[in-house]
């Protein structure tokens, strides 16, 4: 039932589907904005590959 409703909205009312998608994006940003900034910061950090390989050689 929910699957059919989602496809009807997407196929027959694209303006409503896009509006719901936009509002969902706003709610996501409100809830996870601080966490997403932390994720981006951590992804931009350097990964210490040399430390990992040095530990394997020492073992």
N, C-alpha and C. Protein backbone atom coordinates (compact mmCIF):
# COMPACT_ATOMS: atom_id res chain seq x y z
N UNK A 1 0.82 -1.19 0.00
CA UNK A 1 0.00 0.00 0.00
C UNK A 1 0.87 1.26 0.00
N UNK A 2 1.82 1.34 0.92
CA UNK A 2 2.69 2.50 0.99
C UNK A 2 3.56 2.62 -0.26
N UNK A 3 4.01 1.46 -0.75
CA UNK A 3 4.82 1.42 -1.97
C UNK A 3 4.02 1.98 -3.15
N UNK A 4 2.76 1.57 -3.27
CA UNK A 4 1.90 2.05 -4.36
C UNK A 4 1.66 3.56 -4.22
N UNK A 5 1.44 4.01 -3.01
CA UNK A 5 1.21 5.44 -2.78
C UNK A 5 2.44 6.25 -3.18
N UNK A 6 3.62 5.76 -2.82
CA UNK A 6 4.85 6.47 -3.17
C UNK A 6 5.01 6.55 -4.68
N UNK A 7 4.68 5.49 -5.39
CA UNK A 7 4.81 5.51 -6.85
C UNK A 7 3.75 6.39 -7.50
N UNK A 8 2.56 6.42 -6.94
CA UNK A 8 1.54 7.33 -7.47
C UNK A 8 1.98 8.77 -7.30
N UNK A 9 2.49 9.10 -6.11
CA UNK A 9 2.97 10.46 -5.87
C UNK A 9 4.11 10.81 -6.82
N UNK A 10 5.05 9.90 -6.97
CA UNK A 10 6.22 10.18 -7.80
C UNK A 10 5.84 10.32 -9.27
N UNK A 11 4.94 9.45 -9.75
CA UNK A 11 4.62 9.44 -11.18
C UNK A 11 3.57 10.48 -11.57
N UNK A 12 2.56 10.67 -10.72
CA UNK A 12 1.44 11.54 -11.09
C UNK A 12 1.53 12.95 -10.53
N UNK A 13 2.27 13.11 -9.43
CA UNK A 13 2.39 14.42 -8.78
C UNK A 13 3.86 14.73 -8.49
N UNK A 14 4.66 14.93 -9.54
CA UNK A 14 6.10 15.15 -9.31
C UNK A 14 6.38 16.41 -8.48
N UNK A 15 5.54 17.42 -8.59
CA UNK A 15 5.75 18.64 -7.81
C UNK A 15 5.60 18.36 -6.32
N UNK A 16 4.64 17.49 -5.96
CA UNK A 16 4.46 17.12 -4.56
C UNK A 16 5.61 16.24 -4.07
N UNK A 17 6.04 15.32 -4.94
CA UNK A 17 7.16 14.44 -4.61
C UNK A 17 8.42 15.27 -4.35
N UNK A 18 8.69 16.25 -5.20
CA UNK A 18 9.86 17.11 -5.03
C UNK A 18 9.74 17.98 -3.78
N UNK A 19 8.55 18.43 -3.47
CA UNK A 19 8.33 19.23 -2.27
C UNK A 19 8.60 18.40 -1.01
N UNK A 20 8.10 17.18 -0.99
CA UNK A 20 8.34 16.29 0.15
C UNK A 20 9.83 16.02 0.29
N UNK A 21 10.50 15.82 -0.84
CA UNK A 21 11.95 15.57 -0.82
C UNK A 21 12.70 16.77 -0.25
N UNK A 22 12.30 17.97 -0.63
CA UNK A 22 12.94 19.18 -0.12
C UNK A 22 12.74 19.33 1.38
N UNK A 23 11.51 19.13 1.83
CA UNK A 23 11.23 19.23 3.27
C UNK A 23 12.00 18.17 4.04
N UNK A 24 12.08 16.96 3.49
CA UNK A 24 12.84 15.90 4.14
C UNK A 24 14.32 16.30 4.26
N UNK A 25 14.85 16.94 3.23
CA UNK A 25 16.23 17.43 3.29
C UNK A 25 16.42 18.47 4.38
N UNK A 26 15.44 19.34 4.55
CA UNK A 26 15.52 20.35 5.63
C UNK A 26 15.53 19.69 7.00
N UNK A 27 14.63 18.71 7.18
CA UNK A 27 14.60 18.01 8.48
C UNK A 27 15.90 17.27 8.74
N UNK A 28 16.46 16.65 7.69
CA UNK A 28 17.74 15.96 7.84
C UNK A 28 18.83 16.94 8.25
N UNK A 29 18.86 18.10 7.61
CA UNK A 29 19.87 19.11 7.94
C UNK A 29 19.69 19.62 9.37
N UNK A 30 18.46 19.81 9.81
CA UNK A 30 18.22 20.26 11.18
C UNK A 30 18.70 19.24 12.20
N UNK A 31 18.47 17.98 11.89
CA UNK A 31 18.81 16.94 12.87
C UNK A 31 20.29 16.59 12.86
N UNK A 32 20.91 16.53 11.68
CA UNK A 32 22.26 16.00 11.58
C UNK A 32 23.31 17.03 11.16
N UNK A 33 23.00 18.31 11.18
CA UNK A 33 23.96 19.30 10.67
C UNK A 33 25.26 19.29 11.47
N UNK A 34 25.19 19.18 12.78
CA UNK A 34 26.43 19.19 13.56
C UNK A 34 27.22 17.90 13.34
N UNK A 35 26.53 16.79 13.20
CA UNK A 35 27.22 15.52 12.95
C UNK A 35 27.84 15.49 11.56
N UNK A 36 27.16 16.06 10.57
CA UNK A 36 27.70 16.03 9.22
C UNK A 36 28.97 16.87 9.12
N UNK A 37 29.03 17.97 9.86
CA UNK A 37 30.25 18.78 9.86
C UNK A 37 31.40 17.98 10.46
N UNK A 38 31.12 17.19 11.49
CA UNK A 38 32.16 16.36 12.11
C UNK A 38 32.62 15.26 11.15
N UNK A 39 31.69 14.68 10.41
CA UNK A 39 32.04 13.64 9.44
C UNK A 39 32.93 14.21 8.35
N UNK A 40 32.59 15.38 7.83
CA UNK A 40 33.40 16.00 6.79
C UNK A 40 34.79 16.33 7.33
N UNK A 41 34.86 16.81 8.56
CA UNK A 41 36.15 17.13 9.16
C UNK A 41 37.01 15.88 9.30
N UNK A 42 36.41 14.79 9.76
CA UNK A 42 37.16 13.55 9.94
C UNK A 42 37.59 12.95 8.60
N UNK A 43 36.78 13.10 7.59
CA UNK A 43 37.14 12.57 6.26
C UNK A 43 38.31 13.34 5.65
N UNK A 44 38.47 14.58 6.04
CA UNK A 44 39.56 15.40 5.50
C UNK A 44 40.86 15.25 6.28
N UNK A 45 40.84 14.52 7.40
CA UNK A 45 42.06 14.32 8.17
C UNK A 45 42.96 13.32 7.44
N UNK A 46 44.26 13.45 7.67
CA UNK A 46 45.20 12.50 7.10
C UNK A 46 45.14 11.19 7.87
N UNK A 47 45.20 10.10 7.14
CA UNK A 47 45.22 8.78 7.77
C UNK A 47 46.68 8.37 7.93
N UNK A 48 47.07 8.02 9.13
CA UNK A 48 48.49 7.69 9.38
C UNK A 48 48.85 6.28 8.88
N UNK A 49 48.95 6.12 7.56
CA UNK A 49 49.26 4.81 6.99
C UNK A 49 50.63 4.31 7.45
N UNK A 50 51.58 5.20 7.57
CA UNK A 50 52.92 4.76 7.96
C UNK A 50 52.92 4.12 9.34
N UNK A 51 52.12 4.64 10.27
CA UNK A 51 52.04 4.06 11.60
C UNK A 51 51.51 2.64 11.55
N UNK A 52 50.54 2.39 10.69
CA UNK A 52 49.96 1.05 10.58
C UNK A 52 50.99 0.08 10.03
N UNK A 53 51.71 0.48 8.99
CA UNK A 53 52.69 -0.42 8.40
C UNK A 53 53.88 -0.64 9.33
N UNK A 54 54.26 0.38 10.08
CA UNK A 54 55.37 0.21 11.02
C UNK A 54 55.01 -0.77 12.13
N UNK A 55 53.75 -0.75 12.59
CA UNK A 55 53.32 -1.67 13.63
C UNK A 55 53.34 -3.12 13.12
N UNK A 56 52.99 -3.32 11.86
CA UNK A 56 52.97 -4.68 11.29
C UNK A 56 54.39 -5.22 11.16
N UNK A 57 55.33 -4.36 10.80
CA UNK A 57 56.72 -4.80 10.64
C UNK A 57 57.34 -5.15 12.00
N UNK A 58 56.93 -4.42 13.05
CA UNK A 58 57.49 -4.65 14.38
C UNK A 58 56.99 -5.95 14.98
N UNK A 59 55.83 -6.41 14.57
CA UNK A 59 55.24 -7.63 15.15
C UNK A 59 55.88 -8.91 14.64
